[in-house]
PDB file of N, CA and C in Angstrom:
ATOM      1  N   UNK A   1      79.416  48.673 -16.098  1.00  0.00           N
ATOM      2  CA  UNK A   1      78.323  47.968 -16.158  1.00  0.00           C
ATOM      3  C   UNK A   1      77.730  47.202 -16.926  1.00  0.00           C
ATOM      4  N   UNK A   2      76.912  46.510 -16.799  1.00  0.00           N
ATOM      5  CA  UNK A   2      76.187  45.232 -17.849  1.00  0.00           C
ATOM      6  C   UNK A   2      75.233  45.911 -18.618  1.00  0.00           C
ATOM      7  N   UNK A   3      75.418  45.646 -19.742  1.00  0.00           N
ATOM      8  CA  UNK A   3      74.579  46.419 -20.640  1.00  0.00           C
ATOM      9  C   UNK A   3      73.139  45.672 -20.454  1.00  0.00           C
ATOM     10  N   UNK A   4      71.958  46.820 -20.641  1.00  0.00           N
ATOM     11  CA  UNK A   4      70.272  46.194 -20.362  1.00  0.00           C
ATOM     12  C   UNK A   4      70.217  45.274 -21.188  1.00  0.00           C
ATOM     13  N   UNK A   5      68.855  43.992 -20.721  1.00  0.00           N
ATOM     14  CA  UNK A   5      68.706  42.882 -21.312  1.00  0.00           C
ATOM     15  C   UNK A   5      68.057  43.720 -22.493  1.00  0.00           C
ATOM     16  N   UNK A   6      68.075  42.931 -23.850  1.00  0.00           N
ATOM     17  CA  UNK A   6      67.323  43.159 -25.285  1.00  0.00           C
ATOM     18  C   UNK A   6      65.774  43.512 -24.871  1.00  0.00           C
ATOM     19  N   UNK A   7      65.096  44.542 -25.522  1.00  0.00           N
ATOM     20  CA  UNK A   7      63.960  44.662 -25.320  1.00  0.00           C
ATOM     21  C   UNK A   7      63.052  43.543 -26.072  1.00  0.00           C
ATOM     22  N   UNK A   8      63.472  42.460 -26.573  1.00  0.00           N
ATOM     23  CA  UNK A   8      62.997  41.585 -27.604  1.00  0.00           C
ATOM     24  C   UNK A   8      62.686  40.077 -26.833  1.00  0.00           C
ATOM     25  N   UNK A   9      63.564  40.291 -25.265  1.00  0.00           N
ATOM     26  CA  UNK A   9      63.360  39.230 -24.263  1.00  0.00           C
ATOM     27  C   UNK A   9      62.142  39.180 -23.624  1.00  0.00           C
ATOM     28  N   UNK A  10      61.059  37.747 -23.906  1.00  0.00           N
ATOM     29  CA  UNK A  10      59.943  37.825 -23.293  1.00  0.00           C
ATOM     30  C   UNK A  10      59.778  37.825 -21.415  1.00  0.00           C
ATOM     31  N   UNK A  11      58.871  38.428 -21.608  1.00  0.00           N
ATOM     32  CA  UNK A  11      58.639  38.534 -20.045  1.00  0.00           C
ATOM     33  C   UNK A  11      58.762  37.428 -19.455  1.00  0.00           C
ATOM     34  N   UNK A  12      58.919  37.306 -17.661  1.00  0.00           N
ATOM     35  CA  UNK A  12      58.906  35.919 -17.437  1.00  0.00           C
ATOM     36  C   UNK A  12      57.510  35.740 -17.075  1.00  0.00           C
ATOM     37  N   UNK A  13      57.323  34.405 -17.062  1.00  0.00           N
ATOM     38  CA  UNK A  13      55.804  33.812 -16.946  1.00  0.00           C
ATOM     39  C   UNK A  13      55.175  34.110 -15.485  1.00  0.00           C
ATOM     40  N   UNK A  14      54.206  34.637 -15.641  1.00  0.00           N
ATOM     41  CA  UNK A  14      53.616  34.684 -13.828  1.00  0.00           C
ATOM     42  C   UNK A  14      52.105  34.381 -14.176  1.00  0.00           C
ATOM     43  N   UNK A  15      51.486  34.215 -12.490  1.00  0.00           N
ATOM     44  CA  UNK A  15      50.144  33.537 -12.702  1.00  0.00           C
ATOM     45  C   UNK A  15      49.144  34.893 -13.090  1.00  0.00           C
ATOM     46  N   UNK A  16      49.615  35.995 -12.915  1.00  0.00           N
ATOM     47  CA  UNK A  16      48.533  37.256 -13.321  1.00  0.00           C
ATOM     48  C   UNK A  16      49.748  37.803 -14.183  1.00  0.00           C
ATOM     49  N   UNK A  17      49.746  37.445 -15.024  1.00  0.00           N
ATOM     50  CA  UNK A  17      50.486  38.534 -16.266  1.00  0.00           C
ATOM     51  C   UNK A  17      49.522  39.310 -16.796  1.00  0.00           C
ATOM     52  N   UNK A  18      49.758  40.717 -16.786  1.00  0.00           N
ATOM     53  CA  UNK A  18      48.919  41.589 -17.619  1.00  0.00           C
ATOM     54  C   UNK A  18      49.090  41.750 -18.879  1.00  0.00           C
ATOM     55  N   UNK A  19      48.434  41.718 -19.924  1.00  0.00           N
ATOM     56  CA  UNK A  19      48.516  41.637 -21.168  1.00  0.00           C
ATOM     57  C   UNK A  19      49.036  40.719 -21.989  1.00  0.00           C
ATOM     58  N   UNK A  20      49.029  39.283 -21.224  1.00  0.00           N
ATOM     59  CA  UNK A  20      49.135  38.333 -22.002  1.00  0.00           C
ATOM     60  C   UNK A  20      48.034  37.709 -21.625  1.00  0.00           C
ATOM     61  N   UNK A  21      47.474  36.890 -23.018  1.00  0.00           N
ATOM     62  CA  UNK A  21      45.897  35.991 -22.703  1.00  0.00           C
ATOM     63  C   UNK A  21      46.547  35.168 -21.957  1.00  0.00           C
ATOM     64  N   UNK A  22      45.406  34.118 -21.104  1.00  0.00           N
ATOM     65  CA  UNK A  22      46.035  33.138 -20.461  1.00  0.00           C
ATOM     66  C   UNK A  22      46.015  31.962 -21.178  1.00  0.00           C
ATOM     67  N   UNK A  23      46.652  30.638 -20.956  1.00  0.00           N
ATOM     68  CA  UNK A  23      47.004  29.753 -21.924  1.00  0.00           C
ATOM     69  C   UNK A  23      45.683  29.128 -21.778  1.00  0.00           C
ATOM     70  N   UNK A  24      45.398  28.524 -23.203  1.00  0.00           N
ATOM     71  CA  UNK A  24      44.048  27.758 -23.469  1.00  0.00           C
ATOM     72  C   UNK A  24      43.828  26.641 -23.001  1.00  0.00           C
ATOM     73  N   UNK A  25      42.771  26.315 -22.533  1.00  0.00           N
ATOM     74  CA  UNK A  25      42.382  24.850 -21.937  1.00  0.00           C
ATOM     75  C   UNK A  25      43.033  23.586 -22.949  1.00  0.00           C
ATOM     76  N   UNK A  26      43.387  22.323 -22.627  1.00  0.00           N
ATOM     77  CA  UNK A  26      43.608  21.357 -23.213  1.00  0.00           C
ATOM     78  C   UNK A  26      42.452  21.022 -23.691  1.00  0.00           C
ATOM     79  N   UNK A  27      42.375  20.632 -25.076  1.00  0.00           N
ATOM     80  CA  UNK A  27      41.203  20.146 -26.310  1.00  0.00           C
ATOM     81  C   UNK A  27      40.527  18.681 -25.150  1.00  0.00           C
ATOM     82  N   UNK A  28      39.452  18.755 -24.752  1.00  0.00           N
ATOM     83  CA  UNK A  28      38.586  17.523 -24.441  1.00  0.00           C
ATOM     84  C   UNK A  28      38.434  16.429 -25.213  1.00  0.00           C
ATOM     85  N   UNK A  29      38.752  15.269 -24.599  1.00  0.00           N
ATOM     86  CA  UNK A  29      38.553  14.166 -25.785  1.00  0.00           C
ATOM     87  C   UNK A  29      37.288  14.052 -26.177  1.00  0.00           C
ATOM     88  N   UNK A  30      36.725  13.583 -26.779  1.00  0.00           N
ATOM     89  CA  UNK A  30      35.650  13.263 -27.473  1.00  0.00           C
ATOM     90  C   UNK A  30      34.285  12.194 -26.743  1.00  0.00           C
ATOM     91  N   UNK A  31      33.215  12.744 -26.115  1.00  0.00           N
ATOM     92  CA  UNK A  31      32.518  11.760 -25.416  1.00  0.00           C
ATOM     93  C   UNK A  31      32.462  10.623 -26.160  1.00  0.00           C
ATOM     94  N   UNK A  32      32.464   9.196 -25.129  1.00  0.00           N
ATOM     95  CA  UNK A  32      32.196   8.045 -25.594  1.00  0.00           C
ATOM     96  C   UNK A  32      30.940   7.784 -26.458  1.00  0.00           C
ATOM     97  N   UNK A  33      30.530   6.768 -27.615  1.00  0.00           N
ATOM     98  CA  UNK A  33      29.659   6.715 -28.140  1.00  0.00           C
ATOM     99  C   UNK A  33      28.568   5.986 -27.248  1.00  0.00           C
ATOM    100  N   UNK A  34      27.441   6.598 -27.359  1.00  0.00           N
ATOM    101  CA  UNK A  34      26.371   5.935 -26.617  1.00  0.00           C
ATOM    102  C   UNK A  34      25.865   4.717 -26.736  1.00  0.00           C
ATOM    103  N   UNK A  35      25.611   3.902 -25.868  1.00  0.00           N
ATOM    104  CA  UNK A  35      25.424   2.313 -26.353  1.00  0.00           C
ATOM    105  C   UNK A  35      24.178   2.230 -26.677  1.00  0.00           C
ATOM    106  N   UNK A  36      23.812   1.600 -27.758  1.00  0.00           N
ATOM    107  CA  UNK A  36      22.897   1.471 -28.513  1.00  0.00           C
ATOM    108  C   UNK A  36      22.126   0.354 -27.945  1.00  0.00           C
ATOM    109  N   UNK A  37      20.884   0.654 -27.430  1.00  0.00           N
ATOM    110  CA  UNK A  37      20.149  -0.342 -26.851  1.00  0.00           C
ATOM    111  C   UNK A  37      18.848  -0.569 -27.620  1.00  0.00           C
ATOM    112  N   UNK A  38      18.308  -2.167 -27.731  1.00  0.00           N
ATOM    113  CA  UNK A  38      17.814  -2.426 -28.623  1.00  0.00           C
ATOM    114  C   UNK A  38      18.123  -3.533 -29.695  1.00  0.00           C
TER     115      UNK A  38
END
């Protein structure tokens, strides 16, 4: 029989993985500079 997989193998990615934090959102680009009126 084939040996069991090593315990160090990371679990497969899943949408509702329990015990793993969700991927952080991508950093938003800084807002454009406000047009100076005057």
